Amino acid sequence: MLSSRRADSDMLYAYLYADLDETYPVLADDVRVLECIRETKREIMQELTRCA
């Protein structure tokens, strides 16, 4: 039974993510969001220090 569940989850993973370049698409999305947040934070800090 356990090996059947494993096979099903592997098939689902292949179906959902086979066409994507990333191995872990959720983590890749998280990294992109974090990079965007960091860039926005840098821009805000630059604006605040320029106005001060």
N, C-alpha and C. Protein backbone atom coordinates (compact mmCIF):
# COMPACT_ATOMS: atom_id res chain seq x y z
N MET A 1 0.82 -1.19 0.00
CA MET A 1 0.00 0.00 0.00
C MET A 1 0.87 1.26 0.00
N LEU A 2 1.91 1.27 0.82
CA LEU A 2 2.78 2.44 0.92
C LEU A 2 3.49 2.71 -0.40
N SER A 3 3.98 1.65 -1.06
CA SER A 3 4.68 1.85 -2.33
C SER A 3 3.72 2.36 -3.41
N SER A 4 2.46 1.98 -3.32
CA SER A 4 1.46 2.47 -4.26
C SER A 4 1.24 3.96 -4.08
N ARG A 5 1.20 4.41 -2.84
CA ARG A 5 1.05 5.85 -2.56
C ARG A 5 2.26 6.61 -3.08
N ARG A 6 3.43 6.04 -2.90
CA ARG A 6 4.65 6.67 -3.38
C ARG A 6 4.62 6.80 -4.90
N ALA A 7 4.20 5.76 -5.58
CA ALA A 7 4.12 5.80 -7.03
C ALA A 7 3.11 6.84 -7.48
N ASP A 8 1.98 6.93 -6.78
CA ASP A 8 0.97 7.93 -7.11
C ASP A 8 1.50 9.34 -6.92
N SER A 9 2.22 9.57 -5.84
CA SER A 9 2.76 10.91 -5.59
C SER A 9 3.84 11.26 -6.61
N ASP A 10 4.65 10.29 -7.01
CA ASP A 10 5.66 10.53 -8.05
C ASP A 10 5.00 10.86 -9.38
N MET A 11 3.92 10.16 -9.70
CA MET A 11 3.20 10.43 -10.95
C MET A 11 2.56 11.81 -10.92
N LEU A 12 2.01 12.19 -9.78
CA LEU A 12 1.41 13.52 -9.65
C LEU A 12 2.47 14.60 -9.80
N TYR A 13 3.60 14.41 -9.14
CA TYR A 13 4.70 15.37 -9.25
C TYR A 13 5.13 15.52 -10.71
N ALA A 14 5.30 14.41 -11.40
CA ALA A 14 5.72 14.45 -12.80
C ALA A 14 4.67 15.16 -13.66
N TYR A 15 3.42 14.90 -13.39
CA TYR A 15 2.34 15.55 -14.14
C TYR A 15 2.33 17.06 -13.92
N LEU A 16 2.50 17.48 -12.68
CA LEU A 16 2.42 18.91 -12.35
C LEU A 16 3.65 19.69 -12.77
N TYR A 17 4.82 19.10 -12.64
CA TYR A 17 6.05 19.87 -12.78
C TYR A 17 6.97 19.44 -13.92
N ALA A 18 6.56 18.53 -14.75
CA ALA A 18 7.43 17.99 -15.80
C ALA A 18 7.90 19.07 -16.77
N ASP A 19 7.05 20.04 -17.08
CA ASP A 19 7.40 21.06 -18.07
C ASP A 19 8.18 22.24 -17.49
N LEU A 20 8.43 22.24 -16.20
CA LEU A 20 9.12 23.36 -15.57
C LEU A 20 10.61 23.11 -15.49
N ASP A 21 11.39 24.19 -15.53
CA ASP A 21 12.84 24.08 -15.43
C ASP A 21 13.30 23.78 -14.01
N GLU A 22 12.54 24.24 -13.02
CA GLU A 22 12.95 24.07 -11.64
C GLU A 22 12.58 22.69 -11.12
N THR A 23 13.45 22.16 -10.24
CA THR A 23 13.16 20.90 -9.58
C THR A 23 12.16 21.13 -8.45
N TYR A 24 12.27 22.26 -7.78
CA TYR A 24 11.38 22.60 -6.67
C TYR A 24 10.71 23.93 -6.98
N PRO A 25 9.65 23.92 -7.76
CA PRO A 25 9.04 25.17 -8.22
C PRO A 25 8.51 26.06 -7.10
N VAL A 26 8.03 25.47 -6.02
CA VAL A 26 7.52 26.28 -4.92
C VAL A 26 8.66 27.04 -4.27
N LEU A 27 9.78 26.38 -4.06
CA LEU A 27 10.94 27.06 -3.49
C LEU A 27 11.47 28.13 -4.43
N ALA A 28 11.47 27.84 -5.71
CA ALA A 28 11.93 28.84 -6.69
C ALA A 28 11.04 30.08 -6.64
N ASP A 29 9.74 29.88 -6.53
CA ASP A 29 8.82 31.01 -6.41
C ASP A 29 9.09 31.79 -5.13
N ASP A 30 9.33 31.08 -4.04
CA ASP A 30 9.62 31.75 -2.77
C ASP A 30 10.88 32.60 -2.87
N VAL A 31 11.90 32.08 -3.52
CA VAL A 31 13.15 32.83 -3.70
C VAL A 31 12.91 34.09 -4.51
N ARG A 32 12.11 33.98 -5.57
CA ARG A 32 11.79 35.16 -6.38
C ARG A 32 11.04 36.21 -5.57
N VAL A 33 10.11 35.77 -4.74
CA VAL A 33 9.37 36.71 -3.90
C VAL A 33 10.31 37.38 -2.90
N LEU A 34 11.18 36.61 -2.28
CA LEU A 34 12.14 37.19 -1.33
C LEU A 34 13.06 38.19 -2.01
N GLU A 35 13.51 37.88 -3.21
CA GLU A 35 14.36 38.82 -3.94
C GLU A 35 13.61 40.12 -4.24
N CYS A 36 12.36 40.00 -4.59
CA CYS A 36 11.54 41.18 -4.86
C CYS A 36 11.36 42.01 -3.58
N ILE A 37 11.11 41.36 -2.47
CA ILE A 37 10.96 42.06 -1.19
C ILE A 37 12.25 42.77 -0.82
N ARG A 38 13.38 42.09 -0.98
CA ARG A 38 14.67 42.71 -0.65
C ARG A 38 14.95 43.92 -1.53
N GLU A 39 14.66 43.81 -2.81
CA GLU A 39 14.88 44.93 -3.73
C GLU A 39 13.99 46.11 -3.36
N THR A 40 12.75 45.84 -3.04
CA THR A 40 11.83 46.91 -2.63
C THR A 40 12.30 47.56 -1.34
N LYS A 41 12.77 46.75 -0.43
CA LYS A 41 13.30 47.26 0.84
C LYS A 41 14.51 48.17 0.59
N ARG A 42 15.41 47.76 -0.31
CA ARG A 42 16.57 48.58 -0.66
C ARG A 42 16.13 49.92 -1.25
N GLU A 43 15.16 49.87 -2.14
CA GLU A 43 14.67 51.09 -2.77
C GLU A 43 14.04 52.03 -1.75
N ILE A 44 13.28 51.49 -0.82
CA ILE A 44 12.67 52.31 0.24
C ILE A 44 13.75 52.96 1.10
N MET A 45 14.75 52.18 1.47
CA MET A 45 15.84 52.72 2.30
C MET A 45 16.59 53.83 1.56
N GLN A 46 16.81 53.66 0.27
CA GLN A 46 17.49 54.68 -0.51
C GLN A 46 16.66 55.97 -0.55
N GLU A 47 15.37 55.85 -0.73
CA GLU A 47 14.50 57.02 -0.75
C GLU A 47 14.47 57.72 0.61
N LEU A 48 14.40 56.93 1.67
CA LEU A 48 14.37 57.52 3.01
C LEU A 48 15.66 58.25 3.33
N THR A 49 16.79 57.67 2.95
CA THR A 49 18.06 58.32 3.27
C THR A 49 18.31 59.52 2.35
N ARG A 50 17.76 59.51 1.17
CA ARG A 50 17.90 60.64 0.28
C ARG A 50 17.10 61.84 0.79
N CYS A 51 15.94 61.59 1.37
CA CYS A 51 15.08 62.67 1.86
C CYS A 51 15.55 63.22 3.20
N ALA A 52 16.36 62.48 3.92
CA ALA A 52 16.75 62.91 5.27
C ALA A 52 17.80 63.97 5.27
